[in-house]
């Protein structure tokens, strides 16, 4: 048990924990040892969804429970209940982990702390930020999987043991193997729970064997308002849409406080829409619909399904997500490698109907993505130049920009401002004309190989991250009868996405060095 002592011993000795009062239990919690649903009601939980109850019973009865859940359906709240049930009713040991320290502290253990504090006088025991304890043999603690390896789980054995992998899709194979190795006894349990954001992960493989899926459509806050259309897509019932839908793309649903203007205050719609505070809402769902009902974001966070990679994608979603995970696993390594290299910027100039896209690489790390809405006037090219100029002043480097069409004017402006800029014509012959149809295919293929071979990493990209993932996943390639690689026409990509893949193009422009070959620096030389 040395690892256990090392992880929680320090916190138990901290000032915060020393001041934590130990409460005497009323012992009623023991009566719920075989009734986690009853325990939830004992804690004062007024409502559980059918899926939440199903998960509770599965954890009670099965050695392994895998839950792939949509956004806002109460998965973290449920896990918090199970932590306390295991400690105070089952009187066992519970270990929880998540990919990052923030996720451990601010997601699952925030729920544990809140639930415990509301019930501390009847539960007894004491808590810290990342542990709750009833007795030396009945306690729970949480830790970040980023900080530890599979060795962390060595020595963790108990007659009654519950291991929870929260945000499970970000858990590495090493940590998952360590957790699985602990669950060997008849009264040992493993719960993997999270959003199904990427295939080819340990969580994905576990869910293929068995899973409980929770889409948003079954949640009581929204289930009353939706029905499937002839294509199997959930849409607002016509009579509901007519009342609450707006023409505003940013806010497609009227604020709920305004519904009473045309609905009785005691109507089922108003009562159901807010039944579970803070959970998924109609407004949130409809805001996500603009991403595309086939997008990875929609599929995973709305439908609760793992998005599939298409074999024709130039950068499959799972490859991009793996590159993000590589950065998060060791940001210091990637930052140190990048610090020794210059910035490379890619600028895709919108044509009035599409946004401008800007992407910044440093070495083998994609750090920055920016987007600027176009207005369709004669100043759009100048705005694109301004976006690049202002960014490059802060992060000096070379800019690659499309020199055909609207990009030509922007390129000229950059050069006039003494910005190091290179024009790119993706339609010209490739350096390797035997393998590639043109420069575009060659540029994208170089980037594809770097992602495939694990040579690149992606830093957090904020609100643009999902858009970049979808852009690159929806740019498809084909192999011609001559054996050459060709990227499909942009019109086909635009039709599939519902927009132009400007950010994806910018990422590719920036990845490649478009200077004269004699002046180029290999972006991988220092990694």
Protein backbone atom coordinates (compact mmCIF):
# COMPACT_ATOMS: atom_id res chain seq x y z
CA UNK A 1 0.00 0.00 0.00
CA UNK A 2 2.99 2.32 -0.31
CA UNK A 3 1.58 4.13 -3.33
CA UNK A 4 -1.68 4.78 -1.50
CA UNK A 5 0.13 6.27 1.47
CA UNK A 6 2.28 8.41 -0.79
CA UNK A 7 -0.69 9.84 -2.68
CA UNK A 8 -2.99 10.70 0.20
CA UNK A 9 -0.66 10.88 3.15
CA UNK A 10 0.55 14.32 2.20
CA UNK A 11 -2.93 15.73 1.93
CA UNK A 12 -4.02 14.24 5.24
CA UNK A 13 -1.19 16.15 6.85
CA UNK A 14 -2.04 19.44 5.16
CA UNK A 15 -3.52 22.44 6.95
CA UNK A 16 -6.76 22.10 5.06
CA UNK A 17 -7.26 18.53 6.21
CA UNK A 18 -6.09 19.08 9.79
CA UNK A 19 -8.91 21.57 10.24
CA UNK A 20 -11.52 19.16 8.89
CA UNK A 21 -13.87 18.06 11.64
CA UNK A 22 -14.66 14.38 12.03
CA UNK A 23 -18.41 13.78 12.26
CA UNK A 24 -20.17 10.92 13.99
CA UNK A 25 -22.37 8.88 11.66
CA UNK A 26 -26.01 8.00 12.25
CA UNK A 27 -25.17 4.58 10.69
CA UNK A 28 -28.34 4.58 8.61
CA UNK A 29 -26.14 4.60 5.49
CA UNK A 30 -25.20 0.99 6.26
CA UNK A 31 -28.74 -0.10 5.44
CA UNK A 32 -28.15 0.86 1.79
CA UNK A 33 -25.25 -1.52 1.17
CA UNK A 34 -27.21 -3.27 -1.59
CA UNK A 35 -29.32 -0.27 -2.55
CA UNK A 36 -27.33 2.56 -4.19
CA UNK A 37 -30.55 4.13 -5.46
CA UNK A 38 -31.94 4.25 -1.94
CA UNK A 39 -28.63 5.74 -0.76
CA UNK A 40 -28.97 8.54 -3.31
CA UNK A 41 -32.40 9.38 -1.92
CA UNK A 42 -30.92 9.23 1.60
CA UNK A 43 -28.48 11.94 0.46
CA UNK A 44 -31.42 14.08 -0.59
CA UNK A 45 -31.16 13.49 -4.34
CA UNK A 46 -34.66 14.21 -5.60
CA UNK A 47 -34.40 12.77 -9.09
CA UNK A 48 -32.38 10.15 -10.96
CA UNK A 49 -32.76 9.35 -14.64
CA UNK A 50 -33.45 5.80 -15.73
CA UNK A 51 -29.90 5.53 -17.08
CA UNK A 52 -28.39 6.76 -13.82
CA UNK A 53 -30.30 4.08 -11.93
CA UNK A 54 -29.20 1.48 -14.50
CA UNK A 55 -25.55 2.45 -13.97
CA UNK A 56 -25.89 2.27 -10.19
CA UNK A 57 -27.31 -1.23 -10.34
CA UNK A 58 -24.64 -2.29 -12.81
CA UNK A 59 -21.87 -1.11 -10.47
CA UNK A 60 -23.57 -3.00 -7.65
CA UNK A 61 -23.89 -6.24 -9.62
CA UNK A 62 -21.18 -6.35 -12.29
CA UNK A 63 -17.40 -6.35 -12.03
CA UNK A 64 -16.99 -3.86 -14.90
CA UNK A 65 -19.31 -1.07 -16.06
CA UNK A 66 -18.52 1.07 -19.11
CA UNK A 67 -20.58 4.21 -19.67
CA UNK A 68 -20.36 6.30 -22.85
CA UNK A 69 -22.34 9.42 -22.10
CA UNK A 70 -23.35 12.60 -23.86
CA UNK A 71 -22.78 16.06 -22.42
CA UNK A 72 -24.82 17.27 -19.46
CA UNK A 73 -26.58 14.01 -18.60
CA UNK A 74 -25.32 13.78 -15.00
CA UNK A 75 -22.46 11.29 -15.33
CA UNK A 76 -20.09 13.12 -12.95
CA UNK A 77 -22.82 13.76 -10.37
CA UNK A 78 -23.68 10.07 -10.48
CA UNK A 79 -20.03 9.09 -9.95
CA UNK A 80 -19.93 11.36 -6.90
CA UNK A 81 -22.89 9.51 -5.39
CA UNK A 82 -21.20 6.17 -6.05
CA UNK A 83 -17.99 7.28 -4.31
CA UNK A 84 -19.90 8.10 -1.12
CA UNK A 85 -22.09 5.00 -1.36
CA UNK A 86 -19.03 2.79 -1.60
CA UNK A 87 -17.36 4.39 1.42
CA UNK A 88 -20.32 4.85 3.77
CA UNK A 89 -22.66 2.01 2.79
CA UNK A 90 -20.43 -0.69 1.30
CA UNK A 91 -17.60 0.34 3.67
CA UNK A 92 -14.98 -0.29 1.03
CA UNK A 93 -12.08 1.45 -0.62
CA UNK A 94 -12.64 3.65 -3.69
CA UNK A 95 -9.95 5.01 -6.02
CA UNK A 96 -10.79 7.54 -8.72
CA UNK A 97 -8.63 8.90 -11.49
CA UNK A 98 -8.97 11.28 -14.43
CA UNK A 99 -6.53 12.46 -17.09
CA UNK A 100 -5.62 15.80 -15.48
CA UNK A 101 -5.43 17.29 -12.01
CA UNK A 102 -8.03 19.91 -12.90
CA UNK A 103 -10.50 17.23 -13.94
CA UNK A 104 -9.95 15.33 -10.70
CA UNK A 105 -10.37 18.37 -8.43
CA UNK A 106 -12.99 20.36 -10.29
CA UNK A 107 -15.21 17.65 -11.75
CA UNK A 108 -15.75 14.41 -9.83
CA UNK A 109 -14.28 15.52 -6.52
CA UNK A 110 -16.17 18.79 -6.59
CA UNK A 111 -19.34 16.69 -6.67
CA UNK A 112 -18.03 14.46 -3.87
CA UNK A 113 -17.19 17.45 -1.66
CA UNK A 114 -20.56 19.09 -2.27
CA UNK A 115 -22.57 15.94 -1.58
CA UNK A 116 -20.54 15.11 1.50
CA UNK A 117 -20.79 18.61 2.96
CA UNK A 118 -24.57 18.56 2.59
CA UNK A 119 -24.75 15.22 4.45
CA UNK A 120 -21.69 15.21 6.71
CA UNK A 121 -23.58 15.02 9.98
CA UNK A 122 -25.40 11.83 9.05
CA UNK A 123 -22.54 10.26 7.07
CA UNK A 124 -19.84 10.93 9.65
CA UNK A 125 -16.14 10.69 8.88
CA UNK A 126 -14.18 13.52 7.33
CA UNK A 127 -12.98 14.76 3.97
CA UNK A 128 -10.18 16.63 2.25
CA UNK A 129 -10.04 18.06 -1.23
CA UNK A 130 -9.32 14.68 -2.74
CA UNK A 131 -10.31 12.15 -0.11
CA UNK A 132 -13.19 11.17 2.12
CA UNK A 133 -12.78 8.76 5.03
CA UNK A 134 -15.09 6.84 7.30
CA UNK A 135 -12.53 4.46 8.80
CA UNK A 136 -9.04 3.10 8.01
CA UNK A 137 -10.63 0.52 5.70
CA UNK A 138 -13.48 2.63 4.31
CA UNK A 139 -12.22 5.62 2.36
CA UNK A 140 -11.84 7.09 -1.12
CA UNK A 141 -9.25 9.27 -2.82
CA UNK A 142 -8.61 10.72 -6.25
CA UNK A 143 -5.51 11.36 -8.32
CA UNK A 144 -4.57 12.45 -11.83
CA UNK A 145 -3.48 9.70 -14.20
CA UNK A 146 -1.05 12.18 -15.75
CA UNK A 147 1.02 12.17 -12.55
CA UNK A 148 1.30 8.41 -12.21
CA UNK A 149 1.86 5.18 -14.13
CA UNK A 150 0.41 1.69 -13.94
CA UNK A 151 2.72 1.11 -10.97
CA UNK A 152 0.47 3.46 -9.02
CA UNK A 153 -2.07 0.66 -8.72
CA UNK A 154 0.42 -1.87 -7.41
CA UNK A 155 -0.51 -2.82 -3.88
CA UNK A 156 -4.05 -1.46 -4.18
CA UNK A 157 -6.10 -4.44 -3.12
CA UNK A 158 -9.12 -4.57 -0.87
CA UNK A 159 -11.94 -6.98 -0.26
CA UNK A 160 -14.36 -4.30 -1.42
CA UNK A 161 -12.69 -2.06 -4.01
CA UNK A 162 -14.22 0.37 -6.50
CA UNK A 163 -12.02 1.98 -9.17
CA UNK A 164 -13.52 4.88 -11.14
CA UNK A 165 -12.00 6.16 -14.37
CA UNK A 166 -13.65 9.57 -14.86
CA UNK A 167 -13.32 11.29 -18.26
CA UNK A 168 -12.29 7.79 -19.30
CA UNK A 169 -11.59 8.54 -22.94
CA UNK A 170 -8.43 10.38 -21.89
CA UNK A 171 -7.07 7.53 -19.76
CA UNK A 172 -3.94 5.89 -21.18
CA UNK A 173 -3.55 2.18 -21.83
CA UNK A 174 -0.96 1.98 -19.06
CA UNK A 175 -3.28 3.44 -16.43
CA UNK A 176 -6.25 1.40 -17.65
CA UNK A 177 -4.18 -1.78 -17.45
CA UNK A 178 -3.15 -0.91 -13.90
CA UNK A 179 -6.74 -0.23 -12.88
CA UNK A 180 -8.00 -3.44 -14.45
CA UNK A 181 -5.34 -5.46 -12.66
CA UNK A 182 -6.71 -4.31 -9.30
CA UNK A 183 -10.21 -5.56 -9.95
CA UNK A 184 -9.73 -9.25 -9.28
CA UNK A 185 -11.90 -10.03 -6.25
CA UNK A 186 -15.55 -10.99 -6.20
CA UNK A 187 -16.49 -7.66 -4.60
CA UNK A 188 -14.21 -5.49 -6.74
CA UNK A 189 -15.69 -3.09 -9.28
CA UNK A 190 -14.40 -0.93 -12.15
CA UNK A 191 -16.41 1.97 -13.57
CA UNK A 192 -15.22 3.65 -16.76
CA UNK A 193 -17.32 6.72 -17.58
CA UNK A 194 -16.88 9.60 -20.00
CA UNK A 195 -17.73 11.26 -23.30
CA UNK A 196 -16.97 8.95 -26.25
CA UNK A 197 -14.82 11.55 -28.02
CA UNK A 198 -12.33 9.33 -29.84
CA UNK A 199 -12.04 5.80 -31.13
CA UNK A 200 -8.86 3.71 -30.86
CA UNK A 201 -8.59 4.39 -27.12
CA UNK A 202 -8.73 1.95 -24.19
CA UNK A 203 -12.16 3.36 -23.32
CA UNK A 204 -13.39 2.75 -26.88
CA UNK A 205 -12.15 -0.84 -26.81
CA UNK A 206 -13.76 -1.46 -23.43
CA UNK A 207 -17.09 -0.04 -24.61
CA UNK A 208 -17.04 -2.30 -27.66
CA UNK A 209 -17.16 -5.26 -25.28
CA UNK A 210 -20.07 -3.87 -23.22
CA UNK A 211 -21.50 -0.46 -22.53
CA UNK A 212 -24.34 1.65 -21.26
CA UNK A 213 -24.95 4.55 -23.64
CA UNK A 214 -26.61 7.79 -22.55
CA UNK A 215 -27.60 10.17 -25.37
CA UNK A 216 -29.14 13.54 -24.54
CA UNK A 217 -32.50 12.52 -25.98
CA UNK A 218 -33.49 10.40 -23.00
CA UNK A 219 -32.87 13.18 -20.47
CA UNK A 220 -36.10 14.54 -18.97
CA UNK A 221 -35.05 18.16 -19.57
CA UNK A 222 -35.32 17.64 -23.33
CA UNK A 223 -36.96 14.28 -24.13
CA UNK A 224 -40.47 15.77 -24.19
CA UNK A 225 -39.53 18.25 -26.95
CA UNK A 226 -37.96 15.98 -29.57
CA UNK A 227 -38.96 13.33 -32.07
CA UNK A 228 -37.11 11.50 -34.85
CA UNK A 229 -37.60 12.58 -38.44
CA UNK A 230 -37.76 10.17 -41.38
CA UNK A 231 -33.94 10.08 -41.48
CA UNK A 232 -33.66 9.08 -37.84
CA UNK A 233 -32.41 12.53 -36.74
CA UNK A 234 -33.86 13.97 -33.55
CA UNK A 235 -35.51 17.33 -34.18
CA UNK A 236 -37.79 19.59 -32.21
CA UNK A 237 -41.43 18.67 -32.54
CA UNK A 238 -43.01 21.11 -35.02
CA UNK A 239 -45.43 22.51 -32.46
CA UNK A 240 -42.57 23.15 -30.02
CA UNK A 241 -40.22 24.60 -32.64
CA UNK A 242 -42.91 27.04 -33.79
CA UNK A 243 -43.09 28.50 -30.30
CA UNK A 244 -39.49 28.67 -29.12
CA UNK A 245 -37.22 28.72 -32.19
CA UNK A 246 -35.70 32.01 -33.39
CA UNK A 247 -33.97 33.05 -36.62
CA UNK A 248 -30.77 33.90 -34.71
CA UNK A 249 -28.00 31.38 -35.48
CA UNK A 250 -26.13 32.36 -32.31
CA UNK A 251 -29.21 32.01 -30.08
CA UNK A 252 -31.55 29.65 -31.95
CA UNK A 253 -33.89 29.15 -28.97
CA UNK A 254 -35.75 31.80 -27.00
CA UNK A 255 -34.53 32.25 -23.41
CA UNK A 256 -36.53 29.93 -21.20
CA UNK A 257 -37.78 32.79 -19.03
CA UNK A 258 -39.71 34.07 -22.07
CA UNK A 259 -41.57 30.83 -22.69
CA UNK A 260 -44.26 31.75 -20.17
CA UNK A 261 -45.46 34.44 -22.60
CA UNK A 262 -47.13 31.73 -24.67
CA UNK A 263 -47.11 28.74 -22.32
CA UNK A 264 -48.96 28.42 -19.01
CA UNK A 265 -46.56 28.63 -16.07
CA UNK A 266 -47.69 25.18 -14.93
CA UNK A 267 -47.34 23.62 -18.40
CA UNK A 268 -45.46 20.35 -18.78
CA UNK A 269 -42.94 22.05 -21.08
CA UNK A 270 -41.89 24.61 -18.48
CA UNK A 271 -41.84 22.05 -15.69
CA UNK A 272 -39.84 19.44 -17.61
CA UNK A 273 -37.37 21.81 -19.28
CA UNK A 274 -35.82 22.72 -15.95
CA UNK A 275 -36.40 19.49 -14.06
CA UNK A 276 -32.69 18.84 -13.49
CA UNK A 277 -30.85 22.10 -12.79
CA UNK A 278 -27.63 22.59 -14.73
CA UNK A 279 -28.20 19.60 -17.00
CA UNK A 280 -28.54 19.49 -20.78
CA UNK A 281 -31.00 21.95 -22.32
CA UNK A 282 -32.82 22.46 -25.60
CA UNK A 283 -30.88 25.67 -26.15
CA UNK A 284 -27.52 23.91 -25.79
CA UNK A 285 -28.50 21.13 -28.20
CA UNK A 286 -29.70 23.51 -30.90
CA UNK A 287 -26.56 25.63 -30.57
CA UNK A 288 -24.48 22.53 -31.31
CA UNK A 289 -26.49 21.58 -34.38
CA UNK A 290 -24.60 24.13 -36.49
CA UNK A 291 -21.47 21.98 -36.08
CA UNK A 292 -23.13 19.37 -38.26
CA UNK A 293 -25.12 16.30 -37.25
CA UNK A 294 -22.33 14.10 -38.61
CA UNK A 295 -19.56 15.99 -36.81
CA UNK A 296 -17.49 14.28 -34.14
CA UNK A 297 -18.67 16.83 -31.58
CA UNK A 298 -22.35 16.15 -32.26
CA UNK A 299 -21.94 12.38 -32.48
CA UNK A 300 -20.01 12.09 -29.22
CA UNK A 301 -21.47 14.83 -27.03
CA UNK A 302 -25.08 14.73 -28.20
CA UNK A 303 -25.63 11.15 -29.36
CA UNK A 304 -23.17 9.55 -26.92
CA UNK A 305 -21.53 7.55 -29.73
CA UNK A 306 -17.87 7.16 -30.64
CA UNK A 307 -17.14 9.05 -33.88
CA UNK A 308 -15.81 6.83 -36.62
CA UNK A 309 -12.71 7.59 -38.65
CA UNK A 310 -13.20 7.65 -42.40
CA UNK A 311 -10.43 5.92 -44.31
CA UNK A 312 -10.42 8.78 -46.84
CA UNK A 313 -9.76 11.50 -44.22
CA UNK A 314 -6.45 13.24 -44.72
CA UNK A 315 -6.12 13.54 -40.92
CA UNK A 316 -8.49 11.11 -39.14
CA UNK A 317 -10.04 12.45 -35.96
CA UNK A 318 -8.28 9.88 -33.80
CA UNK A 319 -4.86 10.99 -35.11
CA UNK A 320 -5.54 14.62 -34.24
CA UNK A 321 -6.83 13.70 -30.79
CA UNK A 322 -3.75 11.55 -30.24
CA UNK A 323 -1.58 14.56 -31.13
CA UNK A 324 -3.47 16.64 -28.55
CA UNK A 325 -2.91 13.91 -25.97
CA UNK A 326 0.82 13.82 -26.77
CA UNK A 327 1.14 17.48 -25.90
CA UNK A 328 -0.85 17.17 -22.67
CA UNK A 329 1.19 14.13 -21.63
CA UNK A 330 4.47 16.08 -21.67
CA UNK A 331 4.04 19.78 -22.50
CA UNK A 332 7.49 20.64 -21.17
CA UNK A 333 9.17 18.34 -23.69
CA UNK A 334 7.24 19.73 -26.64
CA UNK A 335 7.65 23.36 -25.53
CA UNK A 336 11.39 22.94 -25.08
CA UNK A 337 11.67 21.41 -28.54
CA UNK A 338 9.61 24.19 -30.09
CA UNK A 339 11.49 27.01 -28.34
CA UNK A 340 14.54 26.32 -30.48
CA UNK A 341 12.64 26.89 -33.72
CA UNK A 342 10.93 29.72 -35.56
CA UNK A 343 7.22 30.24 -36.00
CA UNK A 344 5.56 29.15 -39.24
CA UNK A 345 2.21 30.73 -40.03
CA UNK A 346 -0.44 29.62 -42.48
CA UNK A 347 -3.05 32.12 -43.68
CA UNK A 348 -6.15 31.10 -45.63
CA UNK A 349 -7.94 34.15 -47.02
CA UNK A 350 -11.74 33.91 -47.13
CA UNK A 351 -13.61 35.02 -50.22
CA UNK A 352 -16.37 36.97 -48.51
CA UNK A 353 -18.61 34.03 -47.78
CA UNK A 354 -16.00 32.26 -45.67
CA UNK A 355 -13.88 33.32 -42.72
CA UNK A 356 -10.16 33.99 -42.77
CA UNK A 357 -8.12 31.30 -41.02
CA UNK A 358 -4.70 31.66 -39.40
CA UNK A 359 -2.65 28.84 -37.85
CA UNK A 360 0.70 28.96 -36.09
CA UNK A 361 3.23 26.14 -35.80
CA UNK A 362 6.47 26.28 -33.91
CA UNK A 363 8.64 23.32 -34.74
CA UNK A 364 6.42 20.27 -34.60
CA UNK A 365 3.75 21.81 -32.34
CA UNK A 366 0.53 23.44 -33.52
CA UNK A 367 0.00 26.19 -30.94
CA UNK A 368 -2.39 28.80 -32.31
CA UNK A 369 -5.48 28.94 -34.50
CA UNK A 370 -7.43 32.11 -35.21
CA UNK A 371 -10.52 32.86 -37.26
CA UNK A 372 -11.87 36.18 -38.54
CA UNK A 373 -15.32 36.68 -40.02
CA UNK A 374 -15.40 38.30 -43.46
CA UNK A 375 -17.88 41.00 -44.44
CA UNK A 376 -17.89 40.53 -48.21
CA UNK A 377 -16.59 44.02 -48.97
CA UNK A 378 -13.38 45.22 -50.61
CA UNK A 379 -11.60 45.47 -47.27
CA UNK A 380 -11.65 41.74 -46.51
CA UNK A 381 -8.20 41.14 -47.97
CA UNK A 382 -6.81 43.98 -45.87
CA UNK A 383 -8.42 42.51 -42.77
CA UNK A 384 -6.75 39.18 -43.49
CA UNK A 385 -3.41 40.96 -43.80
CA UNK A 386 -4.08 42.80 -40.54
CA UNK A 387 -4.86 39.54 -38.76
CA UNK A 388 -1.52 38.10 -39.85
CA UNK A 389 0.50 41.28 -39.26
CA UNK A 390 -0.79 41.78 -35.71
CA UNK A 391 -0.12 38.16 -34.83
CA UNK A 392 3.33 37.98 -36.41
CA UNK A 393 4.41 41.11 -34.56
CA UNK A 394 3.82 39.20 -31.34
CA UNK A 395 5.14 35.86 -32.60
CA UNK A 396 7.67 36.62 -35.38
CA UNK A 397 7.89 34.11 -38.19
CA UNK A 398 7.15 33.47 -41.86
CA UNK A 399 3.67 33.44 -43.33
CA UNK A 400 2.51 31.11 -46.10
CA UNK A 401 -0.56 32.40 -47.94
CA UNK A 402 -2.48 31.33 -51.02
CA UNK A 403 -1.31 33.57 -53.86
CA UNK A 404 -4.18 32.66 -56.18
CA UNK A 405 -7.42 34.66 -56.13
CA UNK A 406 -8.21 36.86 -53.13
CA UNK A 407 -5.04 35.76 -51.36
CA UNK A 408 -2.85 37.57 -53.88
CA UNK A 409 -3.84 40.98 -52.55
CA UNK A 410 -3.20 39.92 -48.98
CA UNK A 411 0.22 38.55 -49.91
CA UNK A 412 1.17 41.87 -51.51
CA UNK A 413 0.12 43.77 -48.38
CA UNK A 414 2.19 41.50 -46.15
CA UNK A 415 5.27 42.02 -48.30
CA UNK A 416 4.71 45.79 -48.30
CA UNK A 417 4.73 45.68 -44.49
CA UNK A 418 8.05 43.81 -44.55
CA UNK A 419 6.49 40.60 -43.27
CA UNK A 420 8.36 37.51 -44.42
CA UNK A 421 5.70 35.91 -46.58
CA UNK A 422 5.62 33.17 -49.19
CA UNK A 423 2.95 32.71 -51.83
CA UNK A 424 1.56 29.22 -52.32
CA UNK A 425 -0.13 27.86 -55.42
CA UNK A 426 -1.56 24.47 -54.51
CA UNK A 427 -2.52 23.84 -58.12
CA UNK A 428 1.03 23.68 -59.46
CA UNK A 429 3.08 20.55 -60.02
CA UNK A 430 4.42 18.76 -56.94
CA UNK A 431 8.10 18.34 -56.18
CA UNK A 432 7.35 14.62 -56.50
CA UNK A 433 5.04 14.51 -59.54
CA UNK A 434 5.09 10.72 -59.65
CA UNK A 435 3.38 10.36 -56.25
CA UNK A 436 1.30 13.54 -56.01
CA UNK A 437 -1.16 15.24 -58.36
CA UNK A 438 -0.10 18.72 -57.23
CA UNK A 439 1.46 20.76 -54.42
CA UNK A 440 -1.76 20.61 -52.38
CA UNK A 441 -1.70 16.82 -52.25
CA UNK A 442 2.00 16.84 -51.40
CA UNK A 443 1.59 19.40 -48.60
CA UNK A 444 -1.33 17.58 -47.01
CA UNK A 445 0.38 14.21 -47.33
CA UNK A 446 3.51 15.45 -45.55
CA UNK A 447 1.34 16.65 -42.68
CA UNK A 448 -0.64 13.40 -42.69
CA UNK A 449 2.54 11.34 -42.35
CA UNK A 450 3.73 13.48 -39.44
CA UNK A 451 0.43 12.92 -37.59
CA UNK A 452 0.42 9.21 -38.42
CA UNK A 453 3.98 8.69 -37.18
CA UNK A 454 3.43 10.66 -33.97
CA UNK A 455 5.95 13.35 -34.90
CA UNK A 456 3.69 16.32 -34.11
CA UNK A 457 1.74 17.55 -31.11
CA UNK A 458 -1.21 19.91 -30.76
CA UNK A 459 -1.46 22.37 -27.87
CA UNK A 460 -4.91 23.42 -26.57
CA UNK A 461 -6.65 25.42 -29.30
CA UNK A 462 -9.63 26.64 -27.30
CA UNK A 463 -12.92 27.21 -29.07
CA UNK A 464 -11.45 26.43 -32.50
CA UNK A 465 -10.21 22.95 -31.65
CA UNK A 466 -13.31 21.05 -32.73
CA UNK A 467 -13.56 23.05 -35.94
CA UNK A 468 -9.97 22.18 -36.86
CA UNK A 469 -10.63 18.50 -36.12
CA UNK A 470 -13.68 18.50 -38.39
CA UNK A 471 -11.95 20.45 -41.16
CA UNK A 472 -9.05 18.01 -41.38
CA UNK A 473 -11.24 14.92 -40.99
CA UNK A 474 -13.52 16.08 -43.80
CA UNK A 475 -10.77 16.89 -46.28
CA UNK A 476 -10.62 13.61 -48.20
CA UNK A 477 -8.02 12.22 -50.54
CA UNK A 478 -8.12 9.64 -53.29
CA UNK A 479 -5.62 7.57 -55.22
CA UNK A 480 -5.92 8.05 -58.97
CA UNK A 481 -5.60 5.25 -61.50
CA UNK A 482 -2.07 6.52 -62.15
CA UNK A 483 -1.20 5.90 -58.50
CA UNK A 484 -0.99 9.60 -57.67
CA UNK A 485 -2.49 11.02 -54.47
CA UNK A 486 -5.06 13.77 -55.02
CA UNK A 487 -7.07 15.91 -52.58
CA UNK A 488 -10.74 16.13 -53.49
CA UNK A 489 -12.19 19.37 -54.85
CA UNK A 490 -12.97 21.91 -52.14
CA UNK A 491 -16.61 22.10 -53.25
CA UNK A 492 -17.08 18.50 -52.08
CA UNK A 493 -15.49 19.25 -48.72
CA UNK A 494 -17.60 22.40 -48.39
CA UNK A 495 -20.77 20.45 -49.14
CA UNK A 496 -19.90 17.84 -46.52
CA UNK A 497 -18.97 20.37 -43.83
CA UNK A 498 -21.52 23.02 -44.67
CA UNK A 499 -18.65 25.55 -44.84
CA UNK A 500 -15.17 25.94 -46.26
CA UNK A 501 -12.35 24.20 -44.33
CA UNK A 502 -10.41 27.45 -43.89
CA UNK A 503 -8.83 26.55 -40.57
CA UNK A 504 -7.79 23.15 -41.86
CA UNK A 505 -6.20 24.75 -44.92
CA UNK A 506 -4.42 27.31 -42.73
CA UNK A 507 -3.03 24.52 -40.54
CA UNK A 508 -1.60 22.82 -43.64
CA UNK A 509 -0.15 26.05 -45.06
CA UNK A 510 1.61 26.65 -41.76
CA UNK A 511 2.89 23.11 -41.34
CA UNK A 512 4.81 23.20 -44.61
CA UNK A 513 7.81 25.40 -45.36
CA UNK A 514 7.19 27.18 -48.66
CA UNK A 515 10.48 29.03 -48.96
CA UNK A 516 13.00 28.32 -51.67
CA UNK A 517 14.23 24.75 -51.00
CA UNK A 518 17.78 26.00 -50.48
CA UNK A 519 16.65 28.18 -47.56
CA UNK A 520 14.40 25.73 -45.73
CA UNK A 521 14.81 24.36 -42.22
CA UNK A 522 13.55 20.88 -41.42
CA UNK A 523 10.77 21.43 -38.82
CA UNK A 524 11.51 18.03 -37.24
CA UNK A 525 15.27 18.53 -36.91
CA UNK A 526 15.23 19.26 -33.19
CA UNK A 527 12.51 16.85 -32.08
